[in-house]
Amino acid sequence: MLTELFSSYSGLLVLDDIDALSRRKVDTGEETLFLKSVGTGKRTRTLYTLRYPPAHARRNAFEVPGLSNLEFYDFLNACCKQFGAPPPPAEIIPIMQEETQSLPLLLETVVGLQRFCGSFPEAINLFRDKGGDEARSYLYQRE
């Protein structure tokens, strides 16, 4: 099926969160995809998203950082509006940036938790105490 695909397909393949497989010691199929794609006359590119640095092709890898400071505030305000949550106290914002690594879906999760906890400090504590497990589960579901 891959041979047939690559004989007629020219475009971009996106494989999201590929290291979810490699962390479980499951073959990701990267080598097979690479060999099939370069063995045809069609021009195909493959984009892998990873949470951890890749084991190979490091020169072609780049990190997508969390939100910049301005983006963080804009996104936080949008999340609060979306969830009907009050804005967090100014002293809590740096803690939120650190705990969420300024990643949009983690920030969204903390704002969402606030609705159920009653306050941002409680939401951050819940996020932190659970190791962010429930939040990350929500994040991966949203992805």
N, C-alpha and C. Protein backbone atom coordinates (compact mmCIF):
# COMPACT_ATOMS: atom_id res chain seq x y z
N MET A 1 0.82 -1.19 0.00
CA MET A 1 0.00 0.00 0.00
C MET A 1 0.87 1.26 0.00
N LEU A 2 1.99 1.23 0.74
CA LEU A 2 2.87 2.39 0.75
C LEU A 2 3.50 2.62 -0.62
N THR A 3 3.89 1.53 -1.29
CA THR A 3 4.46 1.66 -2.63
C THR A 3 3.45 2.31 -3.56
N GLU A 4 2.21 1.87 -3.49
CA GLU A 4 1.15 2.45 -4.32
C GLU A 4 0.93 3.92 -3.97
N LEU A 5 0.89 4.22 -2.69
CA LEU A 5 0.69 5.61 -2.26
C LEU A 5 1.79 6.50 -2.80
N PHE A 6 3.02 6.13 -2.57
CA PHE A 6 4.13 6.99 -2.96
C PHE A 6 4.36 7.02 -4.47
N SER A 7 3.81 6.07 -5.21
CA SER A 7 3.95 6.12 -6.66
C SER A 7 3.02 7.17 -7.28
N SER A 8 1.98 7.57 -6.55
CA SER A 8 1.04 8.53 -7.12
C SER A 8 0.87 9.80 -6.28
N TYR A 9 1.38 9.82 -5.07
CA TYR A 9 1.17 10.95 -4.17
C TYR A 9 2.38 11.86 -4.15
N SER A 10 2.12 13.14 -4.29
CA SER A 10 3.16 14.14 -4.15
C SER A 10 2.61 15.20 -3.20
N GLY A 11 3.21 15.34 -2.05
CA GLY A 11 2.69 16.30 -1.09
C GLY A 11 3.38 16.21 0.24
N LEU A 12 2.65 16.58 1.26
CA LEU A 12 3.17 16.61 2.63
C LEU A 12 2.43 15.61 3.50
N LEU A 13 3.19 14.77 4.17
CA LEU A 13 2.62 13.87 5.19
C LEU A 13 2.96 14.46 6.55
N VAL A 14 2.00 14.51 7.44
CA VAL A 14 2.23 14.99 8.80
C VAL A 14 1.91 13.85 9.75
N LEU A 15 2.91 13.46 10.52
CA LEU A 15 2.74 12.42 11.53
C LEU A 15 2.90 13.08 12.89
N ASP A 16 1.79 13.25 13.58
CA ASP A 16 1.75 13.99 14.83
C ASP A 16 2.07 13.10 16.02
N ASP A 17 2.92 13.61 16.91
CA ASP A 17 3.25 12.94 18.16
C ASP A 17 3.79 11.53 17.94
N ILE A 18 4.73 11.41 17.03
CA ILE A 18 5.29 10.10 16.66
C ILE A 18 5.98 9.42 17.84
N ASP A 19 6.50 10.23 18.78
CA ASP A 19 7.20 9.59 19.90
C ASP A 19 6.25 8.97 20.92
N ALA A 20 4.94 9.14 20.72
CA ALA A 20 3.99 8.38 21.55
C ALA A 20 4.17 6.90 21.28
N LEU A 21 4.58 6.56 20.08
CA LEU A 21 4.86 5.16 19.74
C LEU A 21 6.25 4.75 20.22
N SER A 22 7.25 5.58 19.92
CA SER A 22 8.62 5.20 20.27
C SER A 22 8.82 5.07 21.78
N ARG A 23 8.10 5.88 22.57
CA ARG A 23 8.21 5.75 24.03
C ARG A 23 7.68 4.40 24.50
N ARG A 24 6.78 3.81 23.72
CA ARG A 24 6.23 2.50 24.08
C ARG A 24 6.98 1.35 23.40
N LYS A 25 8.11 1.71 22.78
CA LYS A 25 8.96 0.72 22.10
C LYS A 25 8.24 0.07 20.90
N VAL A 26 7.35 0.86 20.25
CA VAL A 26 6.64 0.41 19.06
C VAL A 26 7.34 1.00 17.84
N ASP A 27 7.50 0.21 16.80
CA ASP A 27 8.12 0.70 15.57
C ASP A 27 7.28 1.83 15.00
N THR A 28 7.90 2.98 14.78
CA THR A 28 7.17 4.15 14.28
C THR A 28 7.00 4.11 12.77
N GLY A 29 7.72 3.26 12.10
CA GLY A 29 7.61 3.18 10.64
C GLY A 29 8.36 4.27 9.90
N GLU A 30 9.13 5.06 10.62
CA GLU A 30 9.83 6.19 9.99
C GLU A 30 10.79 5.73 8.90
N GLU A 31 11.54 4.67 9.17
CA GLU A 31 12.51 4.19 8.18
C GLU A 31 11.81 3.70 6.93
N THR A 32 10.74 2.96 7.10
CA THR A 32 9.97 2.45 5.96
C THR A 32 9.40 3.59 5.14
N LEU A 33 8.82 4.57 5.81
CA LEU A 33 8.26 5.73 5.10
C LEU A 33 9.34 6.48 4.33
N PHE A 34 10.48 6.67 4.98
CA PHE A 34 11.57 7.37 4.32
C PHE A 34 12.02 6.63 3.06
N LEU A 35 12.27 5.33 3.20
CA LEU A 35 12.75 4.55 2.06
C LEU A 35 11.72 4.52 0.92
N LYS A 36 10.46 4.40 1.25
CA LYS A 36 9.41 4.39 0.22
C LYS A 36 9.31 5.75 -0.46
N SER A 37 9.40 6.81 0.31
CA SER A 37 9.22 8.14 -0.27
C SER A 37 10.38 8.56 -1.17
N VAL A 38 11.60 8.18 -0.83
CA VAL A 38 12.74 8.56 -1.67
C VAL A 38 12.91 7.62 -2.85
N GLY A 39 12.26 6.48 -2.81
CA GLY A 39 12.38 5.51 -3.89
C GLY A 39 11.45 5.76 -5.06
N THR A 40 10.68 6.83 -5.02
CA THR A 40 9.74 7.13 -6.11
C THR A 40 10.14 8.42 -6.79
N GLY A 41 9.55 8.67 -7.92
CA GLY A 41 9.83 9.90 -8.66
C GLY A 41 9.04 11.09 -8.15
N LYS A 42 8.11 10.86 -7.26
CA LYS A 42 7.28 11.94 -6.73
C LYS A 42 7.99 12.67 -5.60
N ARG A 43 7.70 13.93 -5.47
CA ARG A 43 8.32 14.73 -4.40
C ARG A 43 7.38 14.74 -3.20
N THR A 44 7.80 14.10 -2.14
CA THR A 44 7.00 14.00 -0.93
C THR A 44 7.85 14.45 0.25
N ARG A 45 7.24 15.21 1.14
CA ARG A 45 7.90 15.64 2.37
C ARG A 45 7.14 15.05 3.54
N THR A 46 7.88 14.73 4.60
CA THR A 46 7.26 14.19 5.80
C THR A 46 7.64 15.06 6.98
N LEU A 47 6.62 15.46 7.74
CA LEU A 47 6.82 16.27 8.94
C LEU A 47 6.40 15.44 10.13
N TYR A 48 7.33 15.25 11.06
CA TYR A 48 7.04 14.52 12.29
C TYR A 48 6.99 15.53 13.43
N THR A 49 5.98 15.41 14.29
CA THR A 49 5.98 16.22 15.51
C THR A 49 6.38 15.31 16.66
N LEU A 50 7.25 15.83 17.52
CA LEU A 50 7.80 15.08 18.64
C LEU A 50 7.80 15.94 19.89
N ARG A 51 7.76 15.30 21.01
CA ARG A 51 7.89 16.02 22.28
C ARG A 51 9.35 16.08 22.72
N TYR A 52 10.14 15.15 22.24
CA TYR A 52 11.54 15.05 22.65
C TYR A 52 12.42 15.17 21.41
N PRO A 53 13.68 15.54 21.58
CA PRO A 53 14.56 15.67 20.42
C PRO A 53 14.62 14.35 19.63
N PRO A 54 14.67 14.46 18.32
CA PRO A 54 14.68 13.24 17.50
C PRO A 54 16.01 12.49 17.63
N ALA A 55 15.94 11.21 17.41
CA ALA A 55 17.15 10.39 17.47
C ALA A 55 18.00 10.57 16.22
N HIS A 56 17.39 11.02 15.14
CA HIS A 56 18.11 11.23 13.89
C HIS A 56 17.62 12.51 13.23
N ALA A 57 18.28 12.92 12.17
CA ALA A 57 17.92 14.13 11.41
C ALA A 57 17.88 15.38 12.29
N ARG A 58 18.82 15.47 13.21
CA ARG A 58 18.83 16.61 14.13
C ARG A 58 19.05 17.94 13.42
N ARG A 59 19.76 17.94 12.29
CA ARG A 59 19.99 19.19 11.57
C ARG A 59 18.69 19.74 10.98
N ASN A 60 17.73 18.88 10.75
CA ASN A 60 16.46 19.30 10.17
C ASN A 60 15.37 19.47 11.21
N ALA A 61 15.72 19.36 12.47
CA ALA A 61 14.74 19.49 13.55
C ALA A 61 14.83 20.88 14.15
N PHE A 62 13.69 21.39 14.57
CA PHE A 62 13.70 22.65 15.30
C PHE A 62 12.60 22.63 16.35
N GLU A 63 12.88 23.32 17.43
CA GLU A 63 11.96 23.35 18.56
C GLU A 63 10.92 24.46 18.35
N VAL A 64 9.69 24.13 18.64
CA VAL A 64 8.63 25.14 18.62
C VAL A 64 8.42 25.54 20.07
N PRO A 65 8.78 26.76 20.41
CA PRO A 65 8.70 27.18 21.82
C PRO A 65 7.27 27.48 22.24
N GLY A 66 7.11 27.67 23.53
CA GLY A 66 5.83 28.12 24.06
C GLY A 66 5.55 29.55 23.60
N LEU A 67 4.46 30.09 24.06
CA LEU A 67 4.06 31.43 23.67
C LEU A 67 5.05 32.49 24.18
N SER A 68 5.23 33.54 23.40
CA SER A 68 6.02 34.67 23.88
C SER A 68 5.21 35.35 24.98
N ASN A 69 5.83 36.30 25.66
CA ASN A 69 5.15 36.98 26.76
C ASN A 69 3.85 37.65 26.29
N LEU A 70 3.91 38.39 25.19
CA LEU A 70 2.72 39.07 24.67
C LEU A 70 1.67 38.05 24.23
N GLU A 71 2.10 37.01 23.52
CA GLU A 71 1.16 35.97 23.09
C GLU A 71 0.51 35.29 24.30
N PHE A 72 1.31 35.07 25.34
CA PHE A 72 0.80 34.44 26.55
C PHE A 72 -0.36 35.24 27.13
N TYR A 73 -0.17 36.55 27.29
CA TYR A 73 -1.21 37.40 27.86
C TYR A 73 -2.45 37.45 26.97
N ASP A 74 -2.23 37.56 25.67
CA ASP A 74 -3.37 37.57 24.74
C ASP A 74 -4.15 36.26 24.82
N PHE A 75 -3.41 35.14 24.85
CA PHE A 75 -4.08 33.83 24.90
C PHE A 75 -4.77 33.62 26.24
N LEU A 76 -4.13 34.05 27.32
CA LEU A 76 -4.73 33.94 28.65
C LEU A 76 -6.05 34.71 28.70
N ASN A 77 -6.05 35.91 28.18
CA ASN A 77 -7.28 36.72 28.16
C ASN A 77 -8.36 36.04 27.32
N ALA A 78 -7.99 35.49 26.18
CA ALA A 78 -8.95 34.80 25.33
C ALA A 78 -9.52 33.57 26.04
N CYS A 79 -8.66 32.83 26.75
CA CYS A 79 -9.12 31.64 27.49
C CYS A 79 -10.08 32.03 28.61
N CYS A 80 -9.73 33.06 29.34
CA CYS A 80 -10.60 33.50 30.44
C CYS A 80 -11.96 33.91 29.90
N LYS A 81 -11.95 34.61 28.78
CA LYS A 81 -13.22 35.02 28.17
C LYS A 81 -14.00 33.80 27.71
N GLN A 82 -13.33 32.87 27.04
CA GLN A 82 -13.97 31.65 26.53
C GLN A 82 -14.59 30.82 27.65
N PHE A 83 -13.87 30.69 28.76
CA PHE A 83 -14.33 29.87 29.88
C PHE A 83 -15.19 30.65 30.87
N GLY A 84 -15.33 31.95 30.65
CA GLY A 84 -16.09 32.76 31.61
C GLY A 84 -15.39 32.84 32.95
N ALA A 85 -14.07 32.83 32.92
CA ALA A 85 -13.27 32.87 34.16
C ALA A 85 -12.75 34.28 34.37
N PRO A 86 -12.61 34.69 35.62
CA PRO A 86 -12.01 36.01 35.88
C PRO A 86 -10.52 35.95 35.53
N PRO A 87 -9.93 37.08 35.23
CA PRO A 87 -8.48 37.06 34.99
C PRO A 87 -7.75 36.69 36.28
N PRO A 88 -6.63 35.99 36.15
CA PRO A 88 -5.89 35.61 37.37
C PRO A 88 -5.21 36.83 37.99
N PRO A 89 -4.97 36.77 39.28
CA PRO A 89 -4.22 37.86 39.93
C PRO A 89 -2.82 37.97 39.32
N ALA A 90 -2.30 39.17 39.27
CA ALA A 90 -1.00 39.43 38.63
C ALA A 90 0.12 38.55 39.19
N GLU A 91 0.08 38.27 40.50
CA GLU A 91 1.16 37.48 41.10
C GLU A 91 1.10 36.00 40.70
N ILE A 92 -0.03 35.57 40.17
CA ILE A 92 -0.20 34.17 39.76
C ILE A 92 0.30 33.93 38.34
N ILE A 93 0.31 34.98 37.53
CA ILE A 93 0.64 34.82 36.10
C ILE A 93 2.03 34.22 35.88
N PRO A 94 3.09 34.70 36.55
CA PRO A 94 4.40 34.06 36.34
C PRO A 94 4.41 32.57 36.71
N ILE A 95 3.65 32.22 37.73
CA ILE A 95 3.56 30.82 38.14
C ILE A 95 2.87 30.01 37.04
N MET A 96 1.82 30.58 36.47
CA MET A 96 1.12 29.91 35.38
C MET A 96 2.04 29.72 34.18
N GLN A 97 2.84 30.73 33.87
CA GLN A 97 3.78 30.62 32.75
C GLN A 97 4.78 29.48 32.98
N GLU A 98 5.28 29.42 34.20
CA GLU A 98 6.27 28.38 34.51
C GLU A 98 5.65 26.99 34.50
N GLU A 99 4.51 26.84 35.15
CA GLU A 99 3.87 25.53 35.25
C GLU A 99 3.41 24.98 33.90
N THR A 100 2.95 25.87 33.03
CA THR A 100 2.42 25.43 31.72
C THR A 100 3.47 25.49 30.63
N GLN A 101 4.65 25.98 30.96
CA GLN A 101 5.72 26.18 29.99
C GLN A 101 5.24 27.05 28.82
N SER A 102 4.24 27.87 29.11
CA SER A 102 3.62 28.76 28.13
C SER A 102 3.08 28.02 26.91
N LEU A 103 2.71 26.76 27.12
CA LEU A 103 2.11 25.97 26.03
C LEU A 103 0.60 26.22 26.04
N PRO A 104 0.04 26.60 24.90
CA PRO A 104 -1.36 27.00 24.86
C PRO A 104 -2.35 26.00 25.45
N LEU A 105 -2.25 24.74 25.11
CA LEU A 105 -3.23 23.79 25.62
C LEU A 105 -3.09 23.53 27.11
N LEU A 106 -1.88 23.64 27.64
CA LEU A 106 -1.72 23.50 29.09
C LEU A 106 -2.28 24.73 29.80
N LEU A 107 -2.05 25.90 29.24
CA LEU A 107 -2.61 27.11 29.82
C LEU A 107 -4.14 27.04 29.79
N GLU A 108 -4.67 26.60 28.68
CA GLU A 108 -6.13 26.44 28.56
C GLU A 108 -6.65 25.48 29.62
N THR A 109 -5.90 24.45 29.88
CA THR A 109 -6.30 23.46 30.87
C THR A 109 -6.35 24.06 32.27
N VAL A 110 -5.34 24.85 32.63
CA VAL A 110 -5.33 25.48 33.95
C VAL A 110 -6.51 26.45 34.10
N VAL A 111 -6.78 27.22 33.04
CA VAL A 111 -7.93 28.14 33.10
C VAL A 111 -9.22 27.34 33.24
N GLY A 112 -9.32 26.22 32.51
CA GLY A 112 -10.50 25.36 32.63
C GLY A 112 -10.63 24.76 34.02
N LEU A 113 -9.52 24.36 34.61
CA LEU A 113 -9.55 23.80 35.96
C LEU A 113 -10.03 24.84 36.98
N GLN A 114 -9.68 26.09 36.73
CA GLN A 114 -10.08 27.17 37.64
C GLN A 114 -11.59 27.22 37.78
N ARG A 115 -12.30 26.94 36.72
CA ARG A 115 -13.77 26.97 36.78
C ARG A 115 -14.30 25.95 37.79
N PHE A 116 -13.61 24.83 37.91
CA PHE A 116 -14.07 23.77 38.80
C PHE A 116 -13.47 23.87 40.20
N CYS A 117 -12.30 24.50 40.31
CA CYS A 117 -11.62 24.62 41.60
C CYS A 117 -12.04 25.87 42.36
N GLY A 118 -12.36 26.92 41.64
CA GLY A 118 -12.76 28.16 42.28
C GLY A 118 -11.70 29.24 42.30
N SER A 119 -10.43 28.85 42.15
CA SER A 119 -9.38 29.87 42.12
C SER A 119 -8.20 29.38 41.30
N PHE A 120 -7.42 30.33 40.81
CA PHE A 120 -6.25 29.96 40.03
C PHE A 120 -5.19 29.26 40.89
N PRO A 121 -4.91 29.69 42.13
CA PRO A 121 -3.94 28.95 42.93
C PRO A 121 -4.35 27.48 43.13
N GLU A 122 -5.64 27.24 43.36
CA GLU A 122 -6.10 25.86 43.51
C GLU A 122 -5.96 25.09 42.21
N ALA A 123 -6.27 25.73 41.09
CA ALA A 123 -6.14 25.07 39.79
C ALA A 123 -4.68 24.71 39.51
N ILE A 124 -3.78 25.62 39.82
CA ILE A 124 -2.35 25.35 39.61
C ILE A 124 -1.90 24.22 40.53
N ASN A 125 -2.34 24.21 41.78
CA ASN A 125 -1.97 23.13 42.70
C ASN A 125 -2.48 21.78 42.20
N LEU A 126 -3.71 21.76 41.72
CA LEU A 126 -4.26 20.51 41.18
C LEU A 126 -3.46 20.06 39.97
N PHE A 127 -3.15 20.99 39.10
CA PHE A 127 -2.34 20.70 37.92
C PHE A 127 -0.98 20.15 38.33
N ARG A 128 -0.36 20.80 39.31
CA ARG A 128 0.97 20.41 39.78
C ARG A 128 0.93 19.08 40.54
N ASP A 129 -0.03 18.93 41.46
CA ASP A 129 -0.10 17.73 42.30
C ASP A 129 -0.36 16.47 41.50
N LYS A 130 -1.14 16.60 40.48
CA LYS A 130 -1.42 15.44 39.62
C LYS A 130 -0.32 15.26 38.59
N GLY A 131 0.73 16.07 38.70
CA GLY A 131 1.79 15.99 37.72
C GLY A 131 1.30 16.42 36.35
N GLY A 132 0.16 17.09 36.35
CA GLY A 132 -0.41 17.51 35.09
C GLY A 132 -0.99 16.36 34.30
N ASP A 133 -1.11 15.17 34.91
CA ASP A 133 -1.56 13.98 34.18
C ASP A 133 -2.93 14.18 33.54
N GLU A 134 -3.90 14.64 34.34
CA GLU A 134 -5.23 14.85 33.79
C GLU A 134 -5.21 15.95 32.74
N ALA A 135 -4.43 16.98 33.01
CA ALA A 135 -4.33 18.08 32.06
C ALA A 135 -3.69 17.61 30.75
N ARG A 136 -2.63 16.84 30.88
CA ARG A 136 -1.97 16.35 29.67
C ARG A 136 -2.86 15.37 28.90
N SER A 137 -3.64 14.60 29.62
CA SER A 137 -4.60 13.71 28.96
C SER A 137 -5.58 14.53 28.15
N TYR A 138 -6.08 15.61 28.75
CA TYR A 138 -6.98 16.52 28.05
C TYR A 138 -6.26 17.13 26.85
N LEU A 139 -5.02 17.55 27.05
CA LEU A 139 -4.24 18.16 25.99
C LEU A 139 -4.10 17.20 24.81
N TYR A 140 -3.73 15.95 25.07
CA TYR A 140 -3.52 15.01 23.99
C TYR A 140 -4.84 14.71 23.28
N GLN A 141 -5.94 14.70 24.03
CA GLN A 141 -7.25 14.49 23.44
C GLN A 141 -7.57 15.64 22.50
N ARG A 142 -7.26 16.88 22.92
CA ARG A 142 -7.52 18.05 22.09
C ARG A 142 -6.66 18.05 20.84
N GLU A 143 -5.40 17.58 20.96
CA GLU A 143 -4.52 17.54 19.78
C GLU A 143 -5.11 16.64 18.72
